[in-house]
Amino acid sequence: MNRKYISEKADRLHKNCRVILLSNVKALVIGDHDTYDVIKLSYRWSCNCQWGRFKSHWTDCSHVVAVRKALQDPASQAPVARLAEIIHDALHSPNGRRSA
């Protein structure tokens, strides 16, 4: 996976509100295959995805990059307080979509 692909995937995750900031050092990222925990340990970010566990010494995974983007632009991601409401509305609306 090259840096361009990582950056493009991180942009997609960020723009599609798949980053949930829990604090300035902890986040959840809803990835393509699973939901990942991203945490900052001292000065480095850590992710529990395969890339984060085995290749993070080379470069950050797309989940870490997406969290960094969300921290720079917190208004772009769905706040945790609103997440339950969004899910509730989607589950209880007749067509599965949130009404405006």
C-alpha atoms as a PDB file:
ATOM      1  CA  MET A   1       0.000   0.000   0.000  1.00  0.00           C
ATOM      2  CA  ASN A   2       1.600   3.288  -1.025  1.00  0.00           C
ATOM      3  CA  ARG A   3       1.284   6.696   0.611  1.00  0.00           C
ATOM      4  CA  LYS A   4      -1.040   8.015  -2.111  1.00  0.00           C
ATOM      5  CA  TYR A   5      -3.480   5.138  -1.550  1.00  0.00           C
ATOM      6  CA  ILE A   6      -3.318   5.617   2.224  1.00  0.00           C
ATOM      7  CA  SER A   7      -4.034   9.333   1.847  1.00  0.00           C
ATOM      8  CA  GLU A   8      -6.926   8.746  -0.581  1.00  0.00           C
ATOM      9  CA  LYS A   9      -8.502   6.132   1.699  1.00  0.00           C
ATOM     10  CA  ALA A  10      -8.079   8.426   4.725  1.00  0.00           C
ATOM     11  CA  ASP A  11      -9.780  11.259   2.807  1.00  0.00           C
ATOM     12  CA  ARG A  12     -12.692   8.963   1.960  1.00  0.00           C
ATOM     13  CA  LEU A  13     -13.080   7.792   5.572  1.00  0.00           C
ATOM     14  CA  HIS A  14     -12.916  11.368   6.829  1.00  0.00           C
ATOM     15  CA  LYS A  15     -15.317  12.822   4.252  1.00  0.00           C
ATOM     16  CA  ASN A  16     -17.845  10.016   4.783  1.00  0.00           C
ATOM     17  CA  CYS A  17     -18.025  10.701   8.544  1.00  0.00           C
ATOM     18  CA  ARG A  18     -16.516   7.337   9.446  1.00  0.00           C
ATOM     19  CA  VAL A  19     -14.285   8.828  12.132  1.00  0.00           C
ATOM     20  CA  ILE A  20     -15.739   9.150  15.626  1.00  0.00           C
ATOM     21  CA  LEU A  21     -13.587  11.277  17.897  1.00  0.00           C
ATOM     22  CA  LEU A  22     -13.921  10.141  21.499  1.00  0.00           C
ATOM     23  CA  SER A  23     -11.254  12.574  22.726  1.00  0.00           C
ATOM     24  CA  ASN A  24      -8.157  14.275  21.340  1.00  0.00           C
ATOM     25  CA  VAL A  25      -6.200  11.016  21.902  1.00  0.00           C
ATOM     26  CA  LYS A  26      -8.808   8.322  21.125  1.00  0.00           C
ATOM     27  CA  ALA A  27     -11.092   7.603  18.183  1.00  0.00           C
ATOM     28  CA  LEU A  28     -13.050   4.896  16.437  1.00  0.00           C
ATOM     29  CA  VAL A  29     -12.802   4.515  12.680  1.00  0.00           C
ATOM     30  CA  ILE A  30     -15.424   2.582  10.764  1.00  0.00           C
ATOM     31  CA  GLY A  31     -13.245   0.999   8.109  1.00  0.00           C
ATOM     32  CA  ASP A  32     -14.122  -1.009   5.041  1.00  0.00           C
ATOM     33  CA  HIS A  33     -13.817  -4.330   6.879  1.00  0.00           C
ATOM     34  CA  ASP A  34     -14.139  -3.584  10.604  1.00  0.00           C
ATOM     35  CA  THR A  35     -14.232  -0.829  13.226  1.00  0.00           C
ATOM     36  CA  TYR A  36     -10.811   0.120  14.540  1.00  0.00           C
ATOM     37  CA  ASP A  37      -9.534   1.691  17.754  1.00  0.00           C
ATOM     38  CA  VAL A  38      -7.054   4.491  17.181  1.00  0.00           C
ATOM     39  CA  ILE A  39      -5.247   5.852  20.227  1.00  0.00           C
ATOM     40  CA  LYS A  40      -2.314   8.149  20.841  1.00  0.00           C
ATOM     41  CA  LEU A  41       0.343   6.598  23.036  1.00  0.00           C
ATOM     42  CA  SER A  42       2.858   9.211  24.119  1.00  0.00           C
ATOM     43  CA  TYR A  43       3.936  10.803  20.837  1.00  0.00           C
ATOM     44  CA  ARG A  44       2.786   8.060  18.402  1.00  0.00           C
ATOM     45  CA  TRP A  45      -0.620   7.011  17.125  1.00  0.00           C
ATOM     46  CA  SER A  46      -1.588   3.347  17.233  1.00  0.00           C
ATOM     47  CA  CYS A  47      -4.316   1.425  15.399  1.00  0.00           C
ATOM     48  CA  ASN A  48      -5.453  -2.152  15.934  1.00  0.00           C
ATOM     49  CA  CYS A  49      -5.842  -2.886  12.206  1.00  0.00           C
ATOM     50  CA  GLN A  50      -3.485  -5.351  10.486  1.00  0.00           C
ATOM     51  CA  TRP A  51      -1.394  -2.521   9.024  1.00  0.00           C
ATOM     52  CA  GLY A  52      -1.186  -0.759  12.376  1.00  0.00           C
ATOM     53  CA  ARG A  53      -0.108  -3.895  14.197  1.00  0.00           C
ATOM     54  CA  PHE A  54       2.555  -5.043  11.752  1.00  0.00           C
ATOM     55  CA  LYS A  55       3.630  -2.154   9.494  1.00  0.00           C
ATOM     56  CA  SER A  56       3.111   1.060  11.460  1.00  0.00           C
ATOM     57  CA  HIS A  57       6.871   1.421  11.911  1.00  0.00           C
ATOM     58  CA  TRP A  58       7.002   2.210   8.153  1.00  0.00           C
ATOM     59  CA  THR A  59       4.125   4.663   7.913  1.00  0.00           C
ATOM     60  CA  ASP A  60       0.732   5.345   9.491  1.00  0.00           C
ATOM     61  CA  CYS A  61      -2.301   3.392   8.324  1.00  0.00           C
ATOM     62  CA  SER A  62      -5.248   5.139   6.673  1.00  0.00           C
ATOM     63  CA  HIS A  63      -7.231   5.009   9.937  1.00  0.00           C
ATOM     64  CA  VAL A  64      -4.602   7.037  11.817  1.00  0.00           C
ATOM     65  CA  VAL A  65      -4.364   9.515   8.942  1.00  0.00           C
ATOM     66  CA  ALA A  66      -8.184   9.862   8.916  1.00  0.00           C
ATOM     67  CA  VAL A  67      -8.188  10.586  12.668  1.00  0.00           C
ATOM     68  CA  ARG A  68      -5.541  13.275  12.188  1.00  0.00           C
ATOM     69  CA  LYS A  69      -7.684  14.871   9.476  1.00  0.00           C
ATOM     70  CA  ALA A  70     -10.772  14.756  11.719  1.00  0.00           C
ATOM     71  CA  LEU A  71      -8.851  16.369  14.580  1.00  0.00           C
ATOM     72  CA  GLN A  72      -7.934  19.237  12.254  1.00  0.00           C
ATOM     73  CA  ASP A  73     -11.584  19.562  11.161  1.00  0.00           C
ATOM     74  CA  PRO A  74     -13.800  18.253  13.998  1.00  0.00           C
ATOM     75  CA  ALA A  75     -16.991  19.693  12.491  1.00  0.00           C
ATOM     76  CA  SER A  76     -16.631  17.261   9.571  1.00  0.00           C
ATOM     77  CA  GLN A  77     -17.269  14.100  11.585  1.00  0.00           C
ATOM     78  CA  ALA A  78     -20.371  12.980  13.399  1.00  0.00           C
ATOM     79  CA  PRO A  79     -20.076  13.820  17.107  1.00  0.00           C
ATOM     80  CA  VAL A  80     -20.634  10.862  19.425  1.00  0.00           C
ATOM     81  CA  ALA A  81     -23.570  12.616  21.075  1.00  0.00           C
ATOM     82  CA  ARG A  82     -25.383  12.727  17.716  1.00  0.00           C
ATOM     83  CA  LEU A  83     -24.396   9.251  16.572  1.00  0.00           C
ATOM     84  CA  ALA A  84     -27.030   7.436  18.650  1.00  0.00           C
ATOM     85  CA  GLU A  85     -29.727   9.775  17.346  1.00  0.00           C
ATOM     86  CA  ILE A  86     -28.673   9.231  13.726  1.00  0.00           C
ATOM     87  CA  ILE A  87     -28.703   5.453  14.179  1.00  0.00           C
ATOM     88  CA  HIS A  88     -32.035   5.534  16.036  1.00  0.00           C
ATOM     89  CA  ASP A  89     -33.667   7.668  13.340  1.00  0.00           C
ATOM     90  CA  ALA A  90     -32.333   5.415  10.565  1.00  0.00           C
ATOM     91  CA  LEU A  91     -33.609   2.273  12.286  1.00  0.00           C
ATOM     92  CA  HIS A  92     -37.044   3.678  13.043  1.00  0.00           C
ATOM     93  CA  SER A  93     -37.869   5.530   9.844  1.00  0.00           C
ATOM     94  CA  PRO A  94     -40.147   3.660   7.389  1.00  0.00           C
ATOM     95  CA  ASN A  95     -37.641   3.617   4.515  1.00  0.00           C
ATOM     96  CA  GLY A  96     -34.482   3.270   6.589  1.00  0.00           C
ATOM     97  CA  ARG A  97     -33.379   6.821   5.920  1.00  0.00           C
ATOM     98  CA  ARG A  98     -33.262   9.767   8.242  1.00  0.00           C
ATOM     99  CA  SER A  99     -35.957  12.318   7.562  1.00  0.00           C
ATOM    100  CA  ALA A 100     -34.999  15.986   7.200  1.00  0.00           C
END
